[in-house]
Amino acid sequence: QVQVVESGGGLVQPGGSLRLSCATSGRIFSINVLGWYRQAPGKQRELVASITTSTDSTNYADSVKGRFTVTRDYHQYTFYLQMNSLKPEDTAVYYCYTGGLRTWDSGAYSDYWGQGTQVTVSS
């Protein structure tokens, strides 16, 4: 059974920092892409940051470039989103995402989403 779980959300002040973590579990063989998305009320879910495991190349939304950093562990598929210089407009539910996941039990590719963690930036 594959599970993807976020943690680290909460209430922070503008200009503050927060680190989100995403833990994966299950009989995971490989994952192609590790990513973070967010969704504010009434808005579409958008990509915040991602990292491709084969190359460690990263991709960021323009709105977070220079402020957010996505990193990953190499001994297991745990990854993080370091958020600095937070702004009120960063307020959203943040979701971690694993793309192109394969288990030891199946060669098929599947995508998994975490349950979401609330990040609120307010004074």
PDB file of N, CA and C in Angstrom:
ATOM      1  N   GLN A   1       0.847  -1.179   0.000  1.00  0.00           N
ATOM      2  CA  GLN A   1       0.000   0.000   0.000  1.00  0.00           C
ATOM      3  C   GLN A   1       0.891   1.240   0.000  1.00  0.00           C
ATOM      4  N   VAL A   2       0.667   2.126  -0.937  1.00  0.00           N
ATOM      5  CA  VAL A   2       1.433   3.355  -1.055  1.00  0.00           C
ATOM      6  C   VAL A   2       0.693   4.478  -0.351  1.00  0.00           C
ATOM      7  N   GLN A   3       1.431   5.227   0.451  1.00  0.00           N
ATOM      8  CA  GLN A   3       0.874   6.394   1.109  1.00  0.00           C
ATOM      9  C   GLN A   3       1.800   7.584   0.933  1.00  0.00           C
ATOM     10  N   VAL A   4       1.214   8.745   0.759  1.00  0.00           N
ATOM     11  CA  VAL A   4       1.945   9.991   0.621  1.00  0.00           C
ATOM     12  C   VAL A   4       1.335  10.975   1.610  1.00  0.00           C
ATOM     13  N   VAL A   5       2.136  11.474   2.531  1.00  0.00           N
ATOM     14  CA  VAL A   5       1.615  12.281   3.628  1.00  0.00           C
ATOM     15  C   VAL A   5       2.447  13.545   3.814  1.00  0.00           C
ATOM     16  N   GLU A   6       1.772  14.704   3.785  1.00  0.00           N
ATOM     17  CA  GLU A   6       2.436  15.984   4.045  1.00  0.00           C
ATOM     18  C   GLU A   6       2.397  16.317   5.525  1.00  0.00           C
ATOM     19  N   SER A   7       3.324  17.165   5.928  1.00  0.00           N
ATOM     20  CA  SER A   7       3.321  17.702   7.274  1.00  0.00           C
ATOM     21  C   SER A   7       4.085  19.019   7.276  1.00  0.00           C
ATOM     22  N   GLY A   8       3.892  19.806   8.319  1.00  0.00           N
ATOM     23  CA  GLY A   8       4.648  21.028   8.481  1.00  0.00           C
ATOM     24  C   GLY A   8       3.886  22.312   8.240  1.00  0.00           C
ATOM     25  N   GLY A   9       2.635  22.219   7.841  1.00  0.00           N
ATOM     26  CA  GLY A   9       1.851  23.417   7.622  1.00  0.00           C
ATOM     27  C   GLY A   9       1.490  24.102   8.921  1.00  0.00           C
ATOM     28  N   GLY A  10       0.993  25.324   8.796  1.00  0.00           N
ATOM     29  CA  GLY A  10       0.604  26.073   9.978  1.00  0.00           C
ATOM     30  C   GLY A  10       0.448  27.537   9.684  1.00  0.00           C
ATOM     31  N   LEU A  11       0.351  28.321  10.741  1.00  0.00           N
ATOM     32  CA  LEU A  11       0.206  29.769  10.645  1.00  0.00           C
ATOM     33  C   LEU A  11       1.553  30.435  10.855  1.00  0.00           C
ATOM     34  N   VAL A  12       1.946  31.265   9.905  1.00  0.00           N
ATOM     35  CA  VAL A  12       3.213  31.987   9.996  1.00  0.00           C
ATOM     36  C   VAL A  12       2.988  33.445   9.645  1.00  0.00           C
ATOM     37  N   GLN A  13       3.891  34.298  10.102  1.00  0.00           N
ATOM     38  CA  GLN A  13       3.814  35.716   9.808  1.00  0.00           C
ATOM     39  C   GLN A  13       4.458  36.036   8.468  1.00  0.00           C
ATOM     40  N   PRO A  14       4.003  37.095   7.805  1.00  0.00           N
ATOM     41  CA  PRO A  14       4.668  37.508   6.573  1.00  0.00           C
ATOM     42  C   PRO A  14       6.160  37.713   6.792  1.00  0.00           C
ATOM     43  N   GLY A  15       6.947  37.234   5.840  1.00  0.00           N
ATOM     44  CA  GLY A  15       8.390  37.296   5.955  1.00  0.00           C
ATOM     45  C   GLY A  15       8.999  36.112   6.670  1.00  0.00           C
ATOM     46  N   GLY A  16       8.169  35.285   7.251  1.00  0.00           N
ATOM     47  CA  GLY A  16       8.646  34.127   7.973  1.00  0.00           C
ATOM     48  C   GLY A  16       8.974  32.964   7.065  1.00  0.00           C
ATOM     49  N   SER A  17       9.414  31.877   7.677  1.00  0.00           N
ATOM     50  CA  SER A  17       9.805  30.680   6.945  1.00  0.00           C
ATOM     51  C   SER A  17       9.086  29.462   7.485  1.00  0.00           C
ATOM     52  N   LEU A  18       8.952  28.477   6.622  1.00  0.00           N
ATOM     53  CA  LEU A  18       8.296  27.238   6.988  1.00  0.00           C
ATOM     54  C   LEU A  18       8.823  26.137   6.083  1.00  0.00           C
ATOM     55  N   ARG A  19       8.973  24.938   6.617  1.00  0.00           N
ATOM     56  CA  ARG A  19       9.395  23.814   5.801  1.00  0.00           C
ATOM     57  C   ARG A  19       8.344  22.719   5.836  1.00  0.00           C
ATOM     58  N   LEU A  20       7.876  22.357   4.672  1.00  0.00           N
ATOM     59  CA  LEU A  20       6.938  21.267   4.528  1.00  0.00           C
ATOM     60  C   LEU A  20       7.685  19.984   4.198  1.00  0.00           C
ATOM     61  N   SER A  21       7.180  18.873   4.699  1.00  0.00           N
ATOM     62  CA  SER A  21       7.773  17.580   4.424  1.00  0.00           C
ATOM     63  C   SER A  21       6.734  16.658   3.813  1.00  0.00           C
ATOM     64  N   CYS A  22       7.189  15.781   2.950  1.00  0.00           N
ATOM     65  CA  CYS A  22       6.322  14.771   2.366  1.00  0.00           C
ATOM     66  C   CYS A  22       6.986  13.417   2.542  1.00  0.00           C
ATOM     67  N   ALA A  23       6.321  12.544   3.255  1.00  0.00           N
ATOM     68  CA  ALA A  23       6.834  11.207   3.503  1.00  0.00           C
ATOM     69  C   ALA A  23       6.073  10.193   2.667  1.00  0.00           C
ATOM     70  N   THR A  24       6.799   9.286   2.053  1.00  0.00           N
ATOM     71  CA  THR A  24       6.192   8.226   1.266  1.00  0.00           C
ATOM     72  C   THR A  24       6.434   6.892   1.942  1.00  0.00           C
ATOM     73  N   SER A  25       5.511   5.991   1.760  1.00  0.00           N
ATOM     74  CA  SER A  25       5.652   4.657   2.318  1.00  0.00           C
ATOM     75  C   SER A  25       5.030   3.648   1.369  1.00  0.00           C
ATOM     76  N   GLY A  26       5.441   2.417   1.519  1.00  0.00           N
ATOM     77  CA  GLY A  26       4.969   1.353   0.661  1.00  0.00           C
ATOM     78  C   GLY A  26       6.127   0.700  -0.066  1.00  0.00           C
ATOM     79  N   ARG A  27       5.799  -0.280  -0.865  1.00  0.00           N
ATOM     80  CA  ARG A  27       6.833  -1.016  -1.598  1.00  0.00           C
ATOM     81  C   ARG A  27       7.171  -0.272  -2.890  1.00  0.00           C
ATOM     82  N   ILE A  28       7.807   0.878  -2.715  1.00  0.00           N
ATOM     83  CA  ILE A  28       8.098   1.768  -3.830  1.00  0.00           C
ATOM     84  C   ILE A  28       9.395   1.369  -4.523  1.00  0.00           C
ATOM     85  N   PHE A  29       9.311   1.177  -5.814  1.00  0.00           N
ATOM     86  CA  PHE A  29      10.479   0.855  -6.620  1.00  0.00           C
ATOM     87  C   PHE A  29      11.160   2.114  -7.130  1.00  0.00           C
ATOM     88  N   SER A  30      10.372   3.042  -7.639  1.00  0.00           N
ATOM     89  CA  SER A  30      10.933   4.277  -8.161  1.00  0.00           C
ATOM     90  C   SER A  30       9.844   5.331  -8.278  1.00  0.00           C
ATOM     91  N   ILE A  31      10.276   6.585  -8.315  1.00  0.00           N
ATOM     92  CA  ILE A  31       9.395   7.719  -8.547  1.00  0.00           C
ATOM     93  C   ILE A  31      10.115   8.670  -9.502  1.00  0.00           C
ATOM     94  N   ASN A  32       9.421   9.112 -10.520  1.00  0.00           N
ATOM     95  CA  ASN A  32      10.035   9.987 -11.505  1.00  0.00           C
ATOM     96  C   ASN A  32      10.077  11.454 -11.069  1.00  0.00           C
ATOM     97  N   VAL A  33       8.981  11.927 -10.515  1.00  0.00           N
ATOM     98  CA  VAL A  33       8.857  13.337 -10.172  1.00  0.00           C
ATOM     99  C   VAL A  33       8.280  13.501  -8.777  1.00  0.00           C
ATOM    100  N   LEU A  34       8.884  14.382  -8.010  1.00  0.00           N
ATOM    101  CA  LEU A  34       8.385  14.748  -6.693  1.00  0.00           C
ATOM    102  C   LEU A  34       7.989  16.218  -6.760  1.00  0.00           C
ATOM    103  N   GLY A  35       6.779  16.523  -6.346  1.00  0.00           N
ATOM    104  CA  GLY A  35       6.331  17.891  -6.516  1.00  0.00           C
ATOM    105  C   GLY A  35       5.445  18.409  -5.408  1.00  0.00           C
ATOM    106  N   TRP A  36       5.299  19.716  -5.424  1.00  0.00           N
ATOM    107  CA  TRP A  36       4.416  20.417  -4.505  1.00  0.00           C
ATOM    108  C   TRP A  36       3.436  21.271  -5.298  1.00  0.00           C
ATOM    109  N   TYR A  37       2.174  21.155  -4.951  1.00  0.00           N
ATOM    110  CA  TYR A  37       1.119  21.963  -5.529  1.00  0.00           C
ATOM    111  C   TYR A  37       0.406  22.708  -4.405  1.00  0.00           C
ATOM    112  N   ARG A  38      -0.320  23.739  -4.774  1.00  0.00           N
ATOM    113  CA  ARG A  38      -1.127  24.439  -3.794  1.00  0.00           C
ATOM    114  C   ARG A  38      -2.440  24.878  -4.418  1.00  0.00           C
ATOM    115  N   GLN A  39      -3.426  25.040  -3.569  1.00  0.00           N
ATOM    116  CA  GLN A  39      -4.735  25.471  -4.022  1.00  0.00           C
ATOM    117  C   GLN A  39      -5.349  26.406  -2.996  1.00  0.00           C
ATOM    118  N   ALA A  40      -5.618  27.618  -3.425  1.00  0.00           N
ATOM    119  CA  ALA A  40      -6.303  28.589  -2.596  1.00  0.00           C
ATOM    120  C   ALA A  40      -7.802  28.477  -2.847  1.00  0.00           C
ATOM    121  N   PRO A  41      -8.629  28.894  -1.889  1.00  0.00           N
ATOM    122  CA  PRO A  41     -10.081  28.812  -2.078  1.00  0.00           C
ATOM    123  C   PRO A  41     -10.539  29.514  -3.347  1.00  0.00           C
ATOM    124  N   GLY A  42     -11.349  28.821  -4.134  1.00  0.00           N
ATOM    125  CA  GLY A  42     -11.878  29.393  -5.356  1.00  0.00           C
ATOM    126  C   GLY A  42     -10.918  29.428  -6.515  1.00  0.00           C
ATOM    127  N   LYS A  43      -9.728  28.881  -6.350  1.00  0.00           N
ATOM    128  CA  LYS A  43      -8.737  28.892  -7.410  1.00  0.00           C
ATOM    129  C   LYS A  43      -8.325  27.476  -7.778  1.00  0.00           C
ATOM    130  N   GLN A  44      -7.747  27.344  -8.954  1.00  0.00           N
ATOM    131  CA  GLN A  44      -7.275  26.052  -9.416  1.00  0.00           C
ATOM    132  C   GLN A  44      -5.984  25.658  -8.710  1.00  0.00           C
ATOM    133  N   ARG A  45      -5.787  24.365  -8.614  1.00  0.00           N
ATOM    134  CA  ARG A  45      -4.545  23.865  -8.060  1.00  0.00           C
ATOM    135  C   ARG A  45      -3.401  24.178  -9.023  1.00  0.00           C
ATOM    136  N   GLU A  46      -2.302  24.671  -8.483  1.00  0.00           N
ATOM    137  CA  GLU A  46      -1.183  25.068  -9.311  1.00  0.00           C
ATOM    138  C   GLU A  46       0.114  24.439  -8.822  1.00  0.00           C
ATOM    139  N   LEU A  47       1.008  24.210  -9.759  1.00  0.00           N
ATOM    140  CA  LEU A  47       2.325  23.687  -9.421  1.00  0.00           C
ATOM    141  C   LEU A  47       3.140  24.768  -8.728  1.00  0.00           C
ATOM    142  N   VAL A  48       3.751  24.403  -7.617  1.00  0.00           N
ATOM    143  CA  VAL A  48       4.627  25.303  -6.890  1.00  0.00           C
ATOM    144  C   VAL A  48       6.085  24.995  -7.200  1.00  0.00           C
ATOM    145  N   ALA A  49       6.455  23.733  -7.056  1.00  0.00           N
ATOM    146  CA  ALA A  49       7.828  23.312  -7.279  1.00  0.00           C
ATOM    147  C   ALA A  49       7.863  21.820  -7.520  1.00  0.00           C
ATOM    148  N   SER A  50       8.847  21.376  -8.275  1.00  0.00           N
ATOM    149  CA  SER A  50       9.015  19.950  -8.521  1.00  0.00           C
ATOM    150  C   SER A  50      10.484  19.634  -8.713  1.00  0.00           C
ATOM    151  N   ILE A  51      10.807  18.363  -8.537  1.00  0.00           N
ATOM    152  CA  ILE A  51      12.167  17.893  -8.760  1.00  0.00           C
ATOM    153  C   ILE A  51      12.093  16.547  -9.461  1.00  0.00           C
ATOM    154  N   THR A  52      12.877  16.403 -10.506  1.00  0.00           N
ATOM    155  CA  THR A  52      12.938  15.157 -11.254  1.00  0.00           C
ATOM    156  C   THR A  52      14.051  14.299 -10.679  1.00  0.00           C
ATOM    157  N   THR A  53      13.723  13.094 -10.283  1.00  0.00           N
ATOM    158  CA  THR A  53      14.675  12.267  -9.547  1.00  0.00           C
ATOM    159  C   THR A  53      15.854  11.799 -10.386  1.00  0.00           C
ATOM    160  N   SER A  54      15.649  11.632 -11.675  1.00  0.00           N
ATOM    161  CA  SER A  54      16.716  11.123 -12.524  1.00  0.00           C
ATOM    162  C   SER A  54      17.842  12.131 -12.731  1.00  0.00           C
ATOM    163  N   THR A  55      17.509  13.405 -12.671  1.00  0.00           N
ATOM    164  CA  THR A  55      18.490  14.447 -12.940  1.00  0.00           C
ATOM    165  C   THR A  55      18.643  15.453 -11.804  1.00  0.00           C
ATOM    166  N   ASP A  56      17.737  15.430 -10.862  1.00  0.00           N
ATOM    167  CA  ASP A  56      17.661  16.420  -9.783  1.00  0.00           C
ATOM    168  C   ASP A  56      17.401  17.821 -10.309  1.00  0.00           C
ATOM    169  N   SER A  57      16.875  17.910 -11.489  1.00  0.00           N
ATOM    170  CA  SER A  57      16.491  19.208 -12.018  1.00  0.00           C
ATOM    171  C   SER A  57      15.213  19.666 -11.332  1.00  0.00           C
ATOM    172  N   THR A  58      15.100  20.962 -11.114  1.00  0.00           N
ATOM    173  CA  THR A  58      13.962  21.522 -10.404  1.00  0.00           C
ATOM    174  C   THR A  58      13.195  22.490 -11.276  1.00  0.00           C
ATOM    175  N   ASN A  59      11.951  22.700 -10.911  1.00  0.00           N
ATOM    176  CA  ASN A  59      11.083  23.617 -11.615  1.00  0.00           C
ATOM    177  C   ASN A  59      10.253  24.368 -10.588  1.00  0.00           C
ATOM    178  N   TYR A  60      10.124  25.678 -10.772  1.00  0.00           N
ATOM    179  CA  TYR A  60       9.395  26.509  -9.822  1.00  0.00           C
ATOM    180  C   TYR A  60       8.413  27.424 -10.528  1.00  0.00           C
ATOM    181  N   ALA A  61       7.311  27.676  -9.860  1.00  0.00           N
ATOM    182  CA  ALA A  61       6.403  28.708 -10.330  1.00  0.00           C
ATOM    183  C   ALA A  61       7.091  30.064 -10.209  1.00  0.00           C
ATOM    184  N   ASP A  62       6.796  30.952 -11.141  1.00  0.00           N
ATOM    185  CA  ASP A  62       7.427  32.266 -11.124  1.00  0.00           C
ATOM    186  C   ASP A  62       7.186  33.006  -9.807  1.00  0.00           C
ATOM    187  N   SER A  63       6.039  32.788  -9.226  1.00  0.00           N
ATOM    188  CA  SER A  63       5.668  33.506  -8.020  1.00  0.00           C
ATOM    189  C   SER A  63       6.489  33.111  -6.793  1.00  0.00           C
ATOM    190  N   VAL A  64       7.176  31.974  -6.863  1.00  0.00           N
ATOM    191  CA  VAL A  64       7.937  31.508  -5.701  1.00  0.00           C
ATOM    192  C   VAL A  64       9.431  31.411  -5.958  1.00  0.00           C
ATOM    193  N   LYS A  65       9.868  31.681  -7.166  1.00  0.00           N
ATOM    194  CA  LYS A  65      11.288  31.600  -7.489  1.00  0.00           C
ATOM    195  C   LYS A  65      12.100  32.529  -6.594  1.00  0.00           C
ATOM    196  N   GLY A  66      13.182  31.999  -6.078  1.00  0.00           N
ATOM    197  CA  GLY A  66      14.030  32.765  -5.184  1.00  0.00           C
ATOM    198  C   GLY A  66      13.609  32.716  -3.739  1.00  0.00           C
ATOM    199  N   ARG A  67      12.405  32.217  -3.481  1.00  0.00           N
ATOM    200  CA  ARG A  67      11.902  32.142  -2.115  1.00  0.00           C
ATOM    201  C   ARG A  67      11.707  30.706  -1.643  1.00  0.00           C
ATOM    202  N   PHE A  68      11.278  29.826  -2.539  1.00  0.00           N
ATOM    203  CA  PHE A  68      11.007  28.436  -2.191  1.00  0.00           C
ATOM    204  C   PHE A  68      12.081  27.534  -2.780  1.00  0.00           C
ATOM    205  N   THR A  69      12.366  26.442  -2.083  1.00  0.00           N
ATOM    206  CA  THR A  69      13.335  25.466  -2.555  1.00  0.00           C
ATOM    207  C   THR A  69      12.814  24.064  -2.296  1.00  0.00           C
ATOM    208  N   VAL A  70      12.831  23.228  -3.316  1.00  0.00           N
ATOM    209  CA  VAL A  70      12.428  21.837  -3.161  1.00  0.00           C
ATOM    210  C   VAL A  70      13.678  20.965  -3.117  1.00  0.00           C
ATOM    211  N   THR A  71      13.733  20.072  -2.148  1.00  0.00           N
ATOM    212  CA  THR A  71      14.861  19.162  -1.994  1.00  0.00           C
ATOM    213  C   THR A  71      14.337  17.767  -1.681  1.00  0.00           C
ATOM    214  N   ARG A  72      15.226  16.790  -1.755  1.00  0.00           N
ATOM    215  CA  ARG A  72      14.818  15.426  -1.452  1.00  0.00           C
ATOM    216  C   ARG A  72      15.922  14.659  -0.753  1.00  0.00           C
ATOM    217  N   ASP A  73      15.527  13.620  -0.028  1.00  0.00           N
ATOM    218  CA  ASP A  73      16.465  12.668   0.530  1.00  0.00           C
ATOM    219  C   ASP A  73      16.835  11.666  -0.539  1.00  0.00           C
ATOM    220  N   TYR A  74      17.946  10.982  -0.321  1.00  0.00           N
ATOM    221  CA  TYR A  74      18.404   9.986  -1.280  1.00  0.00           C
ATOM    222  C   TYR A  74      18.365   8.561  -0.743  1.00  0.00           C
ATOM    223  N   HIS A  75      18.174   8.414   0.547  1.00  0.00           N
ATOM    224  CA  HIS A  75      18.058   7.088   1.129  1.00  0.00           C
ATOM    225  C   HIS A  75      16.614   6.603   1.156  1.00  0.00           C
ATOM    226  N   GLN A  76      15.695   7.507   0.939  1.00  0.00           N
ATOM    227  CA  GLN A  76      14.284   7.181   0.838  1.00  0.00           C
ATOM    228  C   GLN A  76      13.574   8.328   0.127  1.00  0.00           C
ATOM    229  N   TYR A  77      12.338   8.079  -0.290  1.00  0.00           N
ATOM    230  CA  TYR A  77      11.604   9.098  -1.031  1.00  0.00           C
ATOM    231  C   TYR A  77      10.855  10.036  -0.096  1.00  0.00           C
ATOM    232  N   THR A  78      11.623  10.794   0.638  1.00  0.00           N
ATOM    233  CA  THR A  78      11.097  11.879   1.439  1.00  0.00           C
ATOM    234  C   THR A  78      11.578  13.182   0.819  1.00  0.00           C
ATOM    235  N   PHE A  79      10.698  14.135   0.678  1.00  0.00           N
ATOM    236  CA  PHE A  79      11.101  15.391   0.083  1.00  0.00           C
ATOM    237  C   PHE A  79      10.464  16.569   0.803  1.00  0.00           C
ATOM    238  N   TYR A  80      10.981  17.770   0.505  1.00  0.00           N
ATOM    239  CA  TYR A  80      10.679  18.936   1.310  1.00  0.00           C
ATOM    240  C   TYR A  80      10.430  20.166   0.450  1.00  0.00           C
ATOM    241  N   LEU A  81       9.740  21.109   1.035  1.00  0.00           N
ATOM    242  CA  LEU A  81       9.583  22.422   0.435  1.00  0.00           C
ATOM    243  C   LEU A  81       9.952  23.461   1.482  1.00  0.00           C
ATOM    244  N   GLN A  82      11.103  24.087   1.289  1.00  0.00           N
ATOM    245  CA  GLN A  82      11.533  25.162   2.172  1.00  0.00           C
ATOM    246  C   GLN A  82      10.948  26.461   1.654  1.00  0.00           C
ATOM    247  N   MET A  83      10.165  27.128   2.474  1.00  0.00           N
ATOM    248  CA  MET A  83       9.491  28.352   2.082  1.00  0.00           C
ATOM    249  C   MET A  83      10.022  29.508   2.920  1.00  0.00           C
ATOM    250  N   ASN A  84      10.638  30.465   2.260  1.00  0.00           N
ATOM    251  CA  ASN A  84      11.174  31.644   2.915  1.00  0.00           C
ATOM    252  C   ASN A  84      10.465  32.892   2.410  1.00  0.00           C
ATOM    253  N   SER A  85      10.597  33.961   3.161  1.00  0.00           N
ATOM    254  CA  SER A  85       9.993  35.242   2.784  1.00  0.00           C
ATOM    255  C   SER A  85       8.530  35.079   2.408  1.00  0.00           C
ATOM    256  N   LEU A  86       7.806  34.396   3.240  1.00  0.00           N
ATOM    257  CA  LEU A  86       6.409  34.087   2.943  1.00  0.00           C
ATOM    258  C   LEU A  86       5.547  35.339   2.866  1.00  0.00           C
ATOM    259  N   LYS A  87       4.596  35.294   1.954  1.00  0.00           N
ATOM    260  CA  LYS A  87       3.680  36.391   1.713  1.00  0.00           C
ATOM    261  C   LYS A  87       2.250  35.927   1.958  1.00  0.00           C
ATOM    262  N   PRO A  88       1.341  36.849   2.261  1.00  0.00           N
ATOM    263  CA  PRO A  88      -0.063  36.449   2.447  1.00  0.00           C
ATOM    264  C   PRO A  88      -0.629  35.698   1.248  1.00  0.00           C
ATOM    265  N   GLU A  89      -0.195  36.040   0.049  1.00  0.00           N
ATOM    266  CA  GLU A  89      -0.688  35.370  -1.138  1.00  0.00           C
ATOM    267  C   GLU A  89      -0.198  33.932  -1.278  1.00  0.00           C
ATOM    268  N   ASP A  90       0.711  33.511  -0.407  1.00  0.00           N
ATOM    269  CA  ASP A  90       1.131  32.120  -0.375  1.00  0.00           C
ATOM    270  C   ASP A  90       0.145  31.247   0.389  1.00  0.00           C
ATOM    271  N   THR A  91      -0.821  31.861   1.026  1.00  0.00           N
ATOM    272  CA  THR A  91      -1.813  31.121   1.796  1.00  0.00           C
ATOM    273  C   THR A  91      -2.590  30.173   0.893  1.00  0.00           C
ATOM    274  N   ALA A  92      -2.583  28.904   1.248  1.00  0.00           N
ATOM    275  CA  ALA A  92      -3.247  27.881   0.444  1.00  0.00           C
ATOM    276  C   ALA A  92      -3.109  26.536   1.147  1.00  0.00           C
ATOM    277  N   VAL A  93      -3.817  25.561   0.624  1.00  0.00           N
ATOM    278  CA  VAL A  93      -3.576  24.185   1.008  1.00  0.00           C
ATOM    279  C   VAL A  93      -2.485  23.645   0.092  1.00  0.00           C
ATOM    280  N   TYR A  94      -1.447  23.107   0.679  1.00  0.00           N
ATOM    281  CA  TYR A  94      -0.326  22.594  -0.083  1.00  0.00           C
ATOM    282  C   TYR A  94      -0.387  21.071  -0.133  1.00  0.00           C
ATOM    283  N   TYR A  95      -0.192  20.534  -1.324  1.00  0.00           N
ATOM    284  CA  TYR A  95      -0.257  19.101  -1.550  1.00  0.00           C
ATOM    285  C   TYR A  95       1.072  18.591  -2.103  1.00  0.00           C
ATOM    286  N   CYS A  96       1.546  17.490  -1.568  1.00  0.00           N
ATOM    287  CA  CYS A  96       2.688  16.853  -2.201  1.00  0.00           C
ATOM    288  C   CYS A  96       2.194  15.833  -3.224  1.00  0.00           C
ATOM    289  N   TYR A  97       3.038  15.573  -4.189  1.00  0.00           N
ATOM    290  CA  TYR A  97       2.663  14.770  -5.348  1.00  0.00           C
ATOM    291  C   TYR A  97       3.840  13.904  -5.764  1.00  0.00           C
ATOM    292  N   THR A  98       3.548  12.677  -6.090  1.00  0.00           N
ATOM    293  CA  THR A  98       4.551  11.785  -6.654  1.00  0.00           C
ATOM    294  C   THR A  98       4.064  11.337  -8.016  1.00  0.00           C
ATOM    295  N   GLY A  99       4.868  11.607  -9.025  1.00  0.00           N
ATOM    296  CA  GLY A  99       4.500  11.265 -10.383  1.00  0.00           C
ATOM    297  C   GLY A  99       5.322  10.121 -10.930  1.00  0.00           C
ATOM    298  N   GLY A 100       4.676   9.244 -11.676  1.00  0.00           N
ATOM    299  CA  GLY A 100       5.370   8.113 -12.267  1.00  0.00           C
ATOM    300  C   GLY A 100       5.908   7.151 -11.232  1.00  0.00           C
ATOM    301  N   LEU A 101       5.110   6.868 -10.219  1.00  0.00           N
ATOM    302  CA  LEU A 101       5.524   5.957  -9.160  1.00  0.00           C
ATOM    303  C   LEU A 101       5.306   4.504  -9.578  1.00  0.00           C
ATOM    304  N   ARG A 102       6.305   3.690  -9.324  1.00  0.00           N
ATOM    305  CA  ARG A 102       6.215   2.252  -9.574  1.00  0.00           C
ATOM    306  C   ARG A 102       6.506   1.509  -8.287  1.00  0.00           C
ATOM    307  N   THR A 103       5.762   0.465  -8.040  1.00  0.00           N
ATOM    308  CA  THR A 103       5.996  -0.379  -6.873  1.00  0.00           C
ATOM    309  C   THR A 103       6.719  -1.647  -7.285  1.00  0.00           C
ATOM    310  N   TRP A 104       7.215  -2.359  -6.282  1.00  0.00           N
ATOM    311  CA  TRP A 104       7.859  -3.644  -6.561  1.00  0.00           C
ATOM    312  C   TRP A 104       6.868  -4.677  -7.070  1.00  0.00           C
ATOM    313  N   ASP A 105       5.604  -4.443  -6.809  1.00  0.00           N
ATOM    314  CA  ASP A 105       4.566  -5.394  -7.171  1.00  0.00           C
ATOM    315  C   ASP A 105       3.955  -5.142  -8.539  1.00  0.00           C
ATOM    316  N   SER A 106       4.217  -3.982  -9.111  1.00  0.00           N
ATOM    317  CA  SER A 106       3.637  -3.647 -10.399  1.00  0.00           C
ATOM    318  C   SER A 106       4.583  -2.751 -11.178  1.00  0.00           C
ATOM    319  N   GLY A 107       4.677  -3.010 -12.466  1.00  0.00           N
ATOM    320  CA  GLY A 107       5.496  -2.175 -13.317  1.00  0.00           C
ATOM    321  C   GLY A 107       4.761  -0.972 -13.865  1.00  0.00           C
ATOM    322  N   ALA A 108       3.482  -0.866 -13.544  1.00  0.00           N
ATOM    323  CA  ALA A 108       2.676   0.250 -14.020  1.00  0.00           C
ATOM    324  C   ALA A 108       3.030   1.540 -13.282  1.00  0.00           C
ATOM    325  N   TYR A 109       2.884   2.653 -13.968  1.00  0.00           N
ATOM    326  CA  TYR A 109       3.121   3.961 -13.374  1.00  0.00           C
ATOM    327  C   TYR A 109       1.830   4.515 -12.788  1.00  0.00           C
ATOM    328  N   SER A 110       1.937   5.088 -11.602  1.00  0.00           N
ATOM    329  CA  SER A 110       0.791   5.693 -10.943  1.00  0.00           C
ATOM    330  C   SER A 110       1.187   7.001 -10.285  1.00  0.00           C
ATOM    331  N   ASP A 111       0.216   7.875 -10.124  1.00  0.00           N
ATOM    332  CA  ASP A 111       0.423   9.153  -9.451  1.00  0.00           C
ATOM    333  C   ASP A 111      -0.310   9.155  -8.118  1.00  0.00           C
ATOM    334  N   TYR A 112       0.307   9.754  -7.115  1.00  0.00           N
ATOM    335  CA  TYR A 112      -0.291   9.806  -5.794  1.00  0.00           C
ATOM    336  C   TYR A 112      -0.236  11.218  -5.248  1.00  0.00           C
ATOM    337  N   TRP A 113      -1.275  11.567  -4.514  1.00  0.00           N
ATOM    338  CA  TRP A 113      -1.382  12.867  -3.876  1.00  0.00           C
ATOM    339  C   TRP A 113      -1.486  12.714  -2.374  1.00  0.00           C
ATOM    340  N   GLY A 114      -0.888  13.655  -1.664  1.00  0.00           N
ATOM    341  CA  GLY A 114      -1.069  13.707  -0.233  1.00  0.00           C
ATOM    342  C   GLY A 114      -2.418  14.310   0.100  1.00  0.00           C
ATOM    343  N   GLN A 115      -2.730  14.338   1.373  1.00  0.00           N
ATOM    344  CA  GLN A 115      -4.038  14.820   1.819  1.00  0.00           C
ATOM    345  C   GLN A 115      -4.121  16.342   1.895  1.00  0.00           C
ATOM    346  N   GLY A 116      -2.994  17.003   1.854  1.00  0.00           N
ATOM    347  CA  GLY A 116      -2.952  18.453   1.927  1.00  0.00           C
ATOM    348  C   GLY A 116      -2.660  18.960   3.324  1.00  0.00           C
ATOM    349  N   THR A 117      -1.924  20.058   3.392  1.00  0.00           N
ATOM    350  CA  THR A 117      -1.645  20.711   4.659  1.00  0.00           C
ATOM    351  C   THR A 117      -1.838  22.212   4.486  1.00  0.00           C
ATOM    352  N   GLN A 118      -2.517  22.827   5.426  1.00  0.00           N
ATOM    353  CA  GLN A 118      -2.861  24.241   5.327  1.00  0.00           C
ATOM    354  C   GLN A 118      -1.686  25.117   5.718  1.00  0.00           C
ATOM    355  N   VAL A 119      -1.381  26.073   4.862  1.00  0.00           N
ATOM    356  CA  VAL A 119      -0.390  27.098   5.154  1.00  0.00           C
ATOM    357  C   VAL A 119      -1.099  28.448   5.132  1.00  0.00           C
ATOM    358  N   THR A 120      -1.049  29.149   6.236  1.00  0.00           N
ATOM    359  CA  THR A 120      -1.677  30.457   6.336  1.00  0.00           C
ATOM    360  C   THR A 120      -0.629  31.482   6.711  1.00  0.00           C
ATOM    361  N   VAL A 121      -0.498  32.517   5.895  1.00  0.00           N
ATOM    362  CA  VAL A 121       0.472  33.578   6.132  1.00  0.00           C
ATOM    363  C   VAL A 121      -0.293  34.836   6.505  1.00  0.00           C
ATOM    364  N   SER A 122      -0.190  35.232   7.749  1.00  0.00           N
ATOM    365  CA  SER A 122      -0.956  36.369   8.234  1.00  0.00           C
ATOM    366  C   SER A 122      -0.295  36.938   9.482  1.00  0.00           C
ATOM    367  N   SER A 123      -0.463  38.239   9.671  1.00  0.00           N
ATOM    368  CA  SER A 123       0.081  38.884  10.852  1.00  0.00           C
ATOM    369  C   SER A 123      -0.755  38.564  12.079  1.00  0.00           C
TER     370      SER A 123
END
